[in-house]
Amino acid sequence: QNGMHTLCLLDIKVKEQSLENLMKGRKI
């Protein structure tokens, strides 16, 4: 709306835990 371009930095998921493993404290 202000006439400006937008640089979008896209997500990186590295060494992320699933919700289940996070809740159970498992380093998976």
PDB file of all heavy atoms in Angstrom:
ATOM      1  N   GLN A   1       0.830  -1.208   0.000  1.00  0.00           N
ATOM      2  CA  GLN A   1       0.000   0.000   0.000  1.00  0.00           C
ATOM      3  C   GLN A   1       0.864   1.259   0.000  1.00  0.00           C
ATOM      4  O   GLN A   1       0.447   2.302  -0.504  1.00  0.00           O
ATOM      5  CB  GLN A   1      -0.921  -0.017   1.221  1.00  0.00           C
ATOM      6  CG  GLN A   1      -2.043  -1.046   1.105  1.00  0.00           C
ATOM      7  CD  GLN A   1      -2.778  -1.250   2.416  1.00  0.00           C
ATOM      8  OE1 GLN A   1      -2.285  -0.898   3.495  1.00  0.00           O
ATOM      9  NE2 GLN A   1      -3.972  -1.825   2.339  1.00  0.00           N
ATOM     10  N   ASN A   2       2.069   1.139   0.563  1.00  0.00           N
ATOM     11  CA  ASN A   2       3.013   2.261   0.574  1.00  0.00           C
ATOM     12  C   ASN A   2       3.949   2.263  -0.632  1.00  0.00           C
ATOM     13  O   ASN A   2       4.897   3.060  -0.690  1.00  0.00           O
ATOM     14  CB  ASN A   2       3.842   2.223   1.861  1.00  0.00           C
ATOM     15  CG  ASN A   2       3.032   2.552   3.093  1.00  0.00           C
ATOM     16  OD1 ASN A   2       2.059   3.292   3.016  1.00  0.00           O
ATOM     17  ND2 ASN A   2       3.412   1.991   4.234  1.00  0.00           N
ATOM     18  N   GLY A   3       3.694   1.352  -1.580  1.00  0.00           N
ATOM     19  CA  GLY A   3       4.506   1.293  -2.789  1.00  0.00           C
ATOM     20  C   GLY A   3       5.834   0.589  -2.627  1.00  0.00           C
ATOM     21  O   GLY A   3       6.684   0.644  -3.524  1.00  0.00           O
ATOM     22  N   MET A   4       6.027  -0.102  -1.491  1.00  0.00           N
ATOM     23  CA  MET A   4       7.312  -0.723  -1.187  1.00  0.00           C
ATOM     24  C   MET A   4       7.299  -2.224  -1.484  1.00  0.00           C
ATOM     25  O   MET A   4       6.273  -2.896  -1.354  1.00  0.00           O
ATOM     26  CB  MET A   4       7.667  -0.512   0.285  1.00  0.00           C
ATOM     27  CG  MET A   4       7.549   0.928   0.764  1.00  0.00           C
ATOM     28  SD  MET A   4       8.611   2.073  -0.145  1.00  0.00           S
ATOM     29  CE  MET A   4      10.203   1.674   0.572  1.00  0.00           C
ATOM     30  N   HIS A   5       8.463  -2.744  -1.865  1.00  0.00           N
ATOM     31  CA  HIS A   5       8.629  -4.179  -2.056  1.00  0.00           C
ATOM     32  C   HIS A   5       8.805  -4.859  -0.697  1.00  0.00           C
ATOM     33  O   HIS A   5       9.238  -4.231   0.277  1.00  0.00           O
ATOM     34  CB  HIS A   5       9.854  -4.486  -2.917  1.00  0.00           C
ATOM     35  CG  HIS A   5       9.950  -3.677  -4.174  1.00  0.00           C
ATOM     36  ND1 HIS A   5       8.881  -3.491  -5.022  1.00  0.00           N
ATOM     37  CD2 HIS A   5      11.006  -3.006  -4.736  1.00  0.00           C
ATOM     38  CE1 HIS A   5       9.264  -2.742  -6.049  1.00  0.00           C
ATOM     39  NE2 HIS A   5      10.540  -2.438  -5.891  1.00  0.00           N
ATOM     40  N   THR A   6       8.524  -6.158  -0.647  1.00  0.00           N
ATOM     41  CA  THR A   6       8.707  -6.920   0.594  1.00  0.00           C
ATOM     42  C   THR A   6       9.581  -8.140   0.341  1.00  0.00           C
ATOM     43  O   THR A   6       9.257  -8.982  -0.501  1.00  0.00           O
ATOM     44  CB  THR A   6       7.363  -7.400   1.166  1.00  0.00           C
ATOM     45  OG1 THR A   6       6.479  -6.294   1.326  1.00  0.00           O
ATOM     46  CG2 THR A   6       7.575  -8.071   2.517  1.00  0.00           C
ATOM     47  N   LEU A   7      10.682  -8.219   1.075  1.00  0.00           N
ATOM     48  CA  LEU A   7      11.496  -9.427   1.077  1.00  0.00           C
ATOM     49  C   LEU A   7      10.930 -10.371   2.116  1.00  0.00           C
ATOM     50  O   LEU A   7      10.844 -10.027   3.298  1.00  0.00           O
ATOM     51  CB  LEU A   7      12.954  -9.100   1.400  1.00  0.00           C
ATOM     52  CG  LEU A   7      13.879 -10.307   1.643  1.00  0.00           C
ATOM     53  CD1 LEU A   7      13.950 -11.208   0.418  1.00  0.00           C
ATOM     54  CD2 LEU A   7      15.266  -9.834   2.066  1.00  0.00           C
ATOM     55  N   CYS A   8      10.552 -11.562   1.677  1.00  0.00           N
ATOM     56  CA  CYS A   8      10.010 -12.583   2.580  1.00  0.00           C
ATOM     57  C   CYS A   8      11.076 -13.656   2.804  1.00  0.00           C
ATOM     58  O   CYS A   8      11.488 -14.337   1.860  1.00  0.00           O
ATOM     59  CB  CYS A   8       8.760 -13.227   1.992  1.00  0.00           C
ATOM     60  SG  CYS A   8       7.448 -12.056   1.563  1.00  0.00           S
ATOM     61  N   LEU A   9      11.513 -13.781   4.049  1.00  0.00           N
ATOM     62  CA  LEU A   9      12.455 -14.830   4.421  1.00  0.00           C
ATOM     63  C   LEU A   9      11.644 -16.064   4.791  1.00  0.00           C
ATOM     64  O   LEU A   9      10.719 -15.986   5.608  1.00  0.00           O
ATOM     65  CB  LEU A   9      13.321 -14.366   5.598  1.00  0.00           C
ATOM     66  CG  LEU A   9      14.084 -13.059   5.367  1.00  0.00           C
ATOM     67  CD1 LEU A   9      14.884 -12.686   6.608  1.00  0.00           C
ATOM     68  CD2 LEU A   9      15.001 -13.167   4.158  1.00  0.00           C
ATOM     69  N   LEU A  10      11.988 -17.191   4.199  1.00  0.00           N
ATOM     70  CA  LEU A  10      11.151 -18.373   4.323  1.00  0.00           C
ATOM     71  C   LEU A  10      11.666 -19.315   5.408  1.00  0.00           C
ATOM     72  O   LEU A  10      12.869 -19.444   5.638  1.00  0.00           O
ATOM     73  CB  LEU A  10      11.069 -19.089   2.975  1.00  0.00           C
ATOM     74  CG  LEU A  10      10.653 -18.195   1.793  1.00  0.00           C
ATOM     75  CD1 LEU A  10      10.416 -19.018   0.549  1.00  0.00           C
ATOM     76  CD2 LEU A  10       9.430 -17.342   2.142  1.00  0.00           C
ATOM     77  N   ASP A  11      10.740 -19.986   6.041  1.00  0.00           N
ATOM     78  CA  ASP A  11      11.001 -20.752   7.261  1.00  0.00           C
ATOM     79  C   ASP A  11      12.028 -21.870   7.067  1.00  0.00           C
ATOM     80  O   ASP A  11      12.101 -22.499   6.008  1.00  0.00           O
ATOM     81  CB  ASP A  11       9.687 -21.359   7.763  1.00  0.00           C
ATOM     82  CG  ASP A  11       9.709 -21.674   9.250  1.00  0.00           C
ATOM     83  OD1 ASP A  11      10.719 -21.368   9.921  1.00  0.00           O
ATOM     84  OD2 ASP A  11       8.704 -22.226   9.738  1.00  0.00           O
ATOM     85  N   ILE A  12      12.826 -22.068   8.109  1.00  0.00           N
ATOM     86  CA  ILE A  12      13.791 -23.168   8.175  1.00  0.00           C
ATOM     87  C   ILE A  12      13.502 -23.946   9.454  1.00  0.00           C
ATOM     88  O   ILE A  12      13.412 -23.359  10.530  1.00  0.00           O
ATOM     89  CB  ILE A  12      15.244 -22.645   8.216  1.00  0.00           C
ATOM     90  CG1 ILE A  12      15.584 -21.887   6.937  1.00  0.00           C
ATOM     91  CG2 ILE A  12      16.227 -23.776   8.445  1.00  0.00           C
ATOM     92  CD1 ILE A  12      16.953 -21.230   6.985  1.00  0.00           C
ATOM     93  N   LYS A  13      13.332 -25.245   9.323  1.00  0.00           N
ATOM     94  CA  LYS A  13      13.133 -26.098  10.493  1.00  0.00           C
ATOM     95  C   LYS A  13      14.314 -27.056  10.589  1.00  0.00           C
ATOM     96  O   LYS A  13      14.423 -28.014   9.818  1.00  0.00           O
ATOM     97  CB  LYS A  13      11.828 -26.885  10.378  1.00  0.00           C
ATOM     98  CG  LYS A  13      10.569 -26.029  10.345  1.00  0.00           C
ATOM     99  CD  LYS A  13      10.305 -25.349  11.670  1.00  0.00           C
ATOM    100  CE  LYS A  13       8.962 -24.634  11.673  1.00  0.00           C
ATOM    101  NZ  LYS A  13       8.766 -23.855  12.912  1.00  0.00           N
ATOM    102  N   VAL A  14      15.216 -26.786  11.519  1.00  0.00           N
ATOM    103  CA  VAL A  14      16.400 -27.626  11.717  1.00  0.00           C
ATOM    104  C   VAL A  14      16.444 -28.049  13.175  1.00  0.00           C
ATOM    105  O   VAL A  14      16.309 -27.217  14.078  1.00  0.00           O
ATOM    106  CB  VAL A  14      17.690 -26.866  11.352  1.00  0.00           C
ATOM    107  CG1 VAL A  14      18.913 -27.735  11.596  1.00  0.00           C
ATOM    108  CG2 VAL A  14      17.651 -26.419   9.905  1.00  0.00           C
ATOM    109  N   LYS A  15      16.621 -29.325  13.414  1.00  0.00           N
ATOM    110  CA  LYS A  15      16.676 -29.893  14.761  1.00  0.00           C
ATOM    111  C   LYS A  15      15.431 -29.520  15.560  1.00  0.00           C
ATOM    112  O   LYS A  15      15.502 -29.088  16.705  1.00  0.00           O
ATOM    113  CB  LYS A  15      17.950 -29.457  15.494  1.00  0.00           C
ATOM    114  CG  LYS A  15      18.391 -30.440  16.579  1.00  0.00           C
ATOM    115  CD  LYS A  15      19.703 -30.045  17.216  1.00  0.00           C
ATOM    116  CE  LYS A  15      20.099 -31.055  18.284  1.00  0.00           C
ATOM    117  NZ  LYS A  15      21.368 -30.677  18.963  1.00  0.00           N
ATOM    118  N   GLU A  16      14.273 -29.692  14.934  1.00  0.00           N
ATOM    119  CA  GLU A  16      13.004 -29.423  15.593  1.00  0.00           C
ATOM    120  C   GLU A  16      12.419 -30.727  16.121  1.00  0.00           C
ATOM    121  O   GLU A  16      12.560 -31.790  15.506  1.00  0.00           O
ATOM    122  CB  GLU A  16      12.023 -28.782  14.607  1.00  0.00           C
ATOM    123  CG  GLU A  16      12.459 -27.426  14.087  1.00  0.00           C
ATOM    124  CD  GLU A  16      12.071 -26.293  15.016  1.00  0.00           C
ATOM    125  OE1 GLU A  16      11.153 -26.483  15.835  1.00  0.00           O
ATOM    126  OE2 GLU A  16      12.689 -25.218  14.917  1.00  0.00           O
ATOM    127  N   GLN A  17      11.734 -30.641  17.258  1.00  0.00           N
ATOM    128  CA  GLN A  17      11.083 -31.812  17.840  1.00  0.00           C
ATOM    129  C   GLN A  17       9.589 -31.789  17.549  1.00  0.00           C
ATOM    130  O   GLN A  17       8.978 -30.722  17.463  1.00  0.00           O
ATOM    131  CB  GLN A  17      11.300 -31.838  19.359  1.00  0.00           C
ATOM    132  CG  GLN A  17      12.736 -32.074  19.797  1.00  0.00           C
ATOM    133  CD  GLN A  17      12.888 -31.963  21.292  1.00  0.00           C
ATOM    134  OE1 GLN A  17      13.048 -30.872  21.830  1.00  0.00           O
ATOM    135  NE2 GLN A  17      12.823 -33.089  21.982  1.00  0.00           N
ATOM    136  N   SER A  18       8.995 -32.978  17.392  1.00  0.00           N
ATOM    137  CA  SER A  18       7.550 -33.058  17.286  1.00  0.00           C
ATOM    138  C   SER A  18       6.951 -32.705  18.636  1.00  0.00           C
ATOM    139  O   SER A  18       7.628 -32.765  19.677  1.00  0.00           O
ATOM    140  CB  SER A  18       7.117 -34.465  16.874  1.00  0.00           C
ATOM    141  OG  SER A  18       7.404 -35.393  17.914  1.00  0.00           O
ATOM    142  N   LEU A  19       5.679 -32.326  18.653  1.00  0.00           N
ATOM    143  CA  LEU A  19       5.020 -31.977  19.904  1.00  0.00           C
ATOM    144  C   LEU A  19       5.052 -33.149  20.878  1.00  0.00           C
ATOM    145  O   LEU A  19       5.310 -32.979  22.084  1.00  0.00           O
ATOM    146  CB  LEU A  19       3.575 -31.550  19.632  1.00  0.00           C
ATOM    147  CG  LEU A  19       2.756 -31.116  20.856  1.00  0.00           C
ATOM    148  CD1 LEU A  19       3.423 -29.938  21.558  1.00  0.00           C
ATOM    149  CD2 LEU A  19       1.339 -30.765  20.436  1.00  0.00           C
ATOM    150  N   GLU A  20       4.838 -34.357  20.357  1.00  0.00           N
ATOM    151  CA  GLU A  20       4.841 -35.550  21.212  1.00  0.00           C
ATOM    152  C   GLU A  20       6.202 -35.767  21.858  1.00  0.00           C
ATOM    153  O   GLU A  20       6.304 -35.980  23.073  1.00  0.00           O
ATOM    154  CB  GLU A  20       4.460 -36.786  20.390  1.00  0.00           C
ATOM    155  CG  GLU A  20       4.463 -38.071  21.199  1.00  0.00           C
ATOM    156  CD  GLU A  20       4.148 -39.291  20.357  1.00  0.00           C
ATOM    157  OE1 GLU A  20       3.866 -39.123  19.152  1.00  0.00           O
ATOM    158  OE2 GLU A  20       4.210 -40.416  20.891  1.00  0.00           O
ATOM    159  N   ASN A  21       7.274 -35.692  21.055  1.00  0.00           N
ATOM    160  CA  ASN A  21       8.611 -35.902  21.606  1.00  0.00           C
ATOM    161  C   ASN A  21       9.002 -34.783  22.568  1.00  0.00           C
ATOM    162  O   ASN A  21       9.692 -35.019  23.563  1.00  0.00           O
ATOM    163  CB  ASN A  21       9.640 -35.996  20.475  1.00  0.00           C
ATOM    164  CG  ASN A  21       9.543 -37.309  19.729  1.00  0.00           C
ATOM    165  OD1 ASN A  21       9.187 -38.336  20.304  1.00  0.00           O
ATOM    166  ND2 ASN A  21       9.848 -37.285  18.438  1.00  0.00           N
ATOM    167  N   LEU A  22       8.544 -33.559  22.264  1.00  0.00           N
ATOM    168  CA  LEU A  22       8.840 -32.428  23.137  1.00  0.00           C
ATOM    169  C   LEU A  22       8.178 -32.616  24.500  1.00  0.00           C
ATOM    170  O   LEU A  22       8.803 -32.406  25.553  1.00  0.00           O
ATOM    171  CB  LEU A  22       8.358 -31.136  22.477  1.00  0.00           C
ATOM    172  CG  LEU A  22       8.711 -29.823  23.182  1.00  0.00           C
ATOM    173  CD1 LEU A  22      10.230 -29.625  23.221  1.00  0.00           C
ATOM    174  CD2 LEU A  22       8.050 -28.642  22.477  1.00  0.00           C
ATOM    175  N   MET A  23       6.911 -33.045  24.493  1.00  0.00           N
ATOM    176  CA  MET A  23       6.173 -33.229  25.741  1.00  0.00           C
ATOM    177  C   MET A  23       6.732 -34.378  26.568  1.00  0.00           C
ATOM    178  O   MET A  23       6.710 -34.337  27.803  1.00  0.00           O
ATOM    179  CB  MET A  23       4.684 -33.466  25.434  1.00  0.00           C
ATOM    180  CG  MET A  23       3.973 -32.248  24.838  1.00  0.00           C
ATOM    181  SD  MET A  23       2.248 -32.581  24.418  1.00  0.00           S
ATOM    182  CE  MET A  23       1.556 -32.886  26.051  1.00  0.00           C
ATOM    183  N   LYS A  24       7.244 -35.389  25.892  1.00  0.00           N
ATOM    184  CA  LYS A  24       7.789 -36.548  26.599  1.00  0.00           C
ATOM    185  C   LYS A  24       9.274 -36.405  26.913  1.00  0.00           C
ATOM    186  O   LYS A  24       9.880 -37.306  27.502  1.00  0.00           O
ATOM    187  CB  LYS A  24       7.552 -37.819  25.773  1.00  0.00           C
ATOM    188  CG  LYS A  24       6.082 -38.186  25.649  1.00  0.00           C
ATOM    189  CD  LYS A  24       5.889 -39.498  24.889  1.00  0.00           C
ATOM    190  CE  LYS A  24       4.404 -39.878  24.857  1.00  0.00           C
ATOM    191  NZ  LYS A  24       4.191 -41.152  24.124  1.00  0.00           N
ATOM    192  N   GLY A  25       9.852 -35.248  26.515  1.00  0.00           N
ATOM    193  CA  GLY A  25      11.240 -35.006  26.833  1.00  0.00           C
ATOM    194  C   GLY A  25      12.221 -35.875  26.068  1.00  0.00           C
ATOM    195  O   GLY A  25      13.352 -36.083  26.516  1.00  0.00           O
ATOM    196  N   ARG A  26      11.805 -36.359  24.910  1.00  0.00           N
ATOM    197  CA  ARG A  26      12.676 -37.229  24.111  1.00  0.00           C
ATOM    198  C   ARG A  26      13.482 -36.400  23.122  1.00  0.00           C
ATOM    199  O   ARG A  26      12.929 -35.607  22.385  1.00  0.00           O
ATOM    200  CB  ARG A  26      11.845 -38.276  23.357  1.00  0.00           C
ATOM    201  CG  ARG A  26      11.102 -39.223  24.287  1.00  0.00           C
ATOM    202  CD  ARG A  26      10.404 -40.341  23.535  1.00  0.00           C
ATOM    203  NE  ARG A  26       9.392 -39.849  22.621  1.00  0.00           N
ATOM    204  CZ  ARG A  26       8.315 -40.547  22.250  1.00  0.00           C
ATOM    205  NH1 ARG A  26       8.121 -41.764  22.723  1.00  0.00           N
ATOM    206  NH2 ARG A  26       7.442 -40.038  21.410  1.00  0.00           N
ATOM    207  N   LYS A  27      14.790 -36.573  23.129  1.00  0.00           N
ATOM    208  CA  LYS A  27      15.681 -35.841  22.236  1.00  0.00           C
ATOM    209  C   LYS A  27      15.690 -36.495  20.848  1.00  0.00           C
ATOM    210  O   LYS A  27      16.714 -36.961  20.350  1.00  0.00           O
ATOM    211  CB  LYS A  27      17.092 -35.802  22.813  1.00  0.00           C
ATOM    212  CG  LYS A  27      17.202 -35.017  24.114  1.00  0.00           C
ATOM    213  CD  LYS A  27      17.053 -33.520  23.885  1.00  0.00           C
ATOM    214  CE  LYS A  27      17.295 -32.725  25.165  1.00  0.00           C
ATOM    215  NZ  LYS A  27      17.198 -31.274  24.951  1.00  0.00           N
ATOM    216  N   ILE A  28      14.523 -36.524  20.245  1.00  0.00           N
ATOM    217  CA  ILE A  28      14.358 -37.073  18.900  1.00  0.00           C
ATOM    218  C   ILE A  28      13.923 -35.922  18.001  1.00  0.00           C
ATOM    219  O   ILE A  28      12.959 -35.214  18.310  1.00  0.00           O
ATOM    220  CB  ILE A  28      13.306 -38.200  18.869  1.00  0.00           C
ATOM    221  CG1 ILE A  28      13.730 -39.348  19.800  1.00  0.00           C
ATOM    222  CG2 ILE A  28      13.114 -38.711  17.438  1.00  0.00           C
ATOM    223  CD1 ILE A  28      12.682 -40.430  19.941  1.00  0.00           C
TER     224      ILE A  28
END
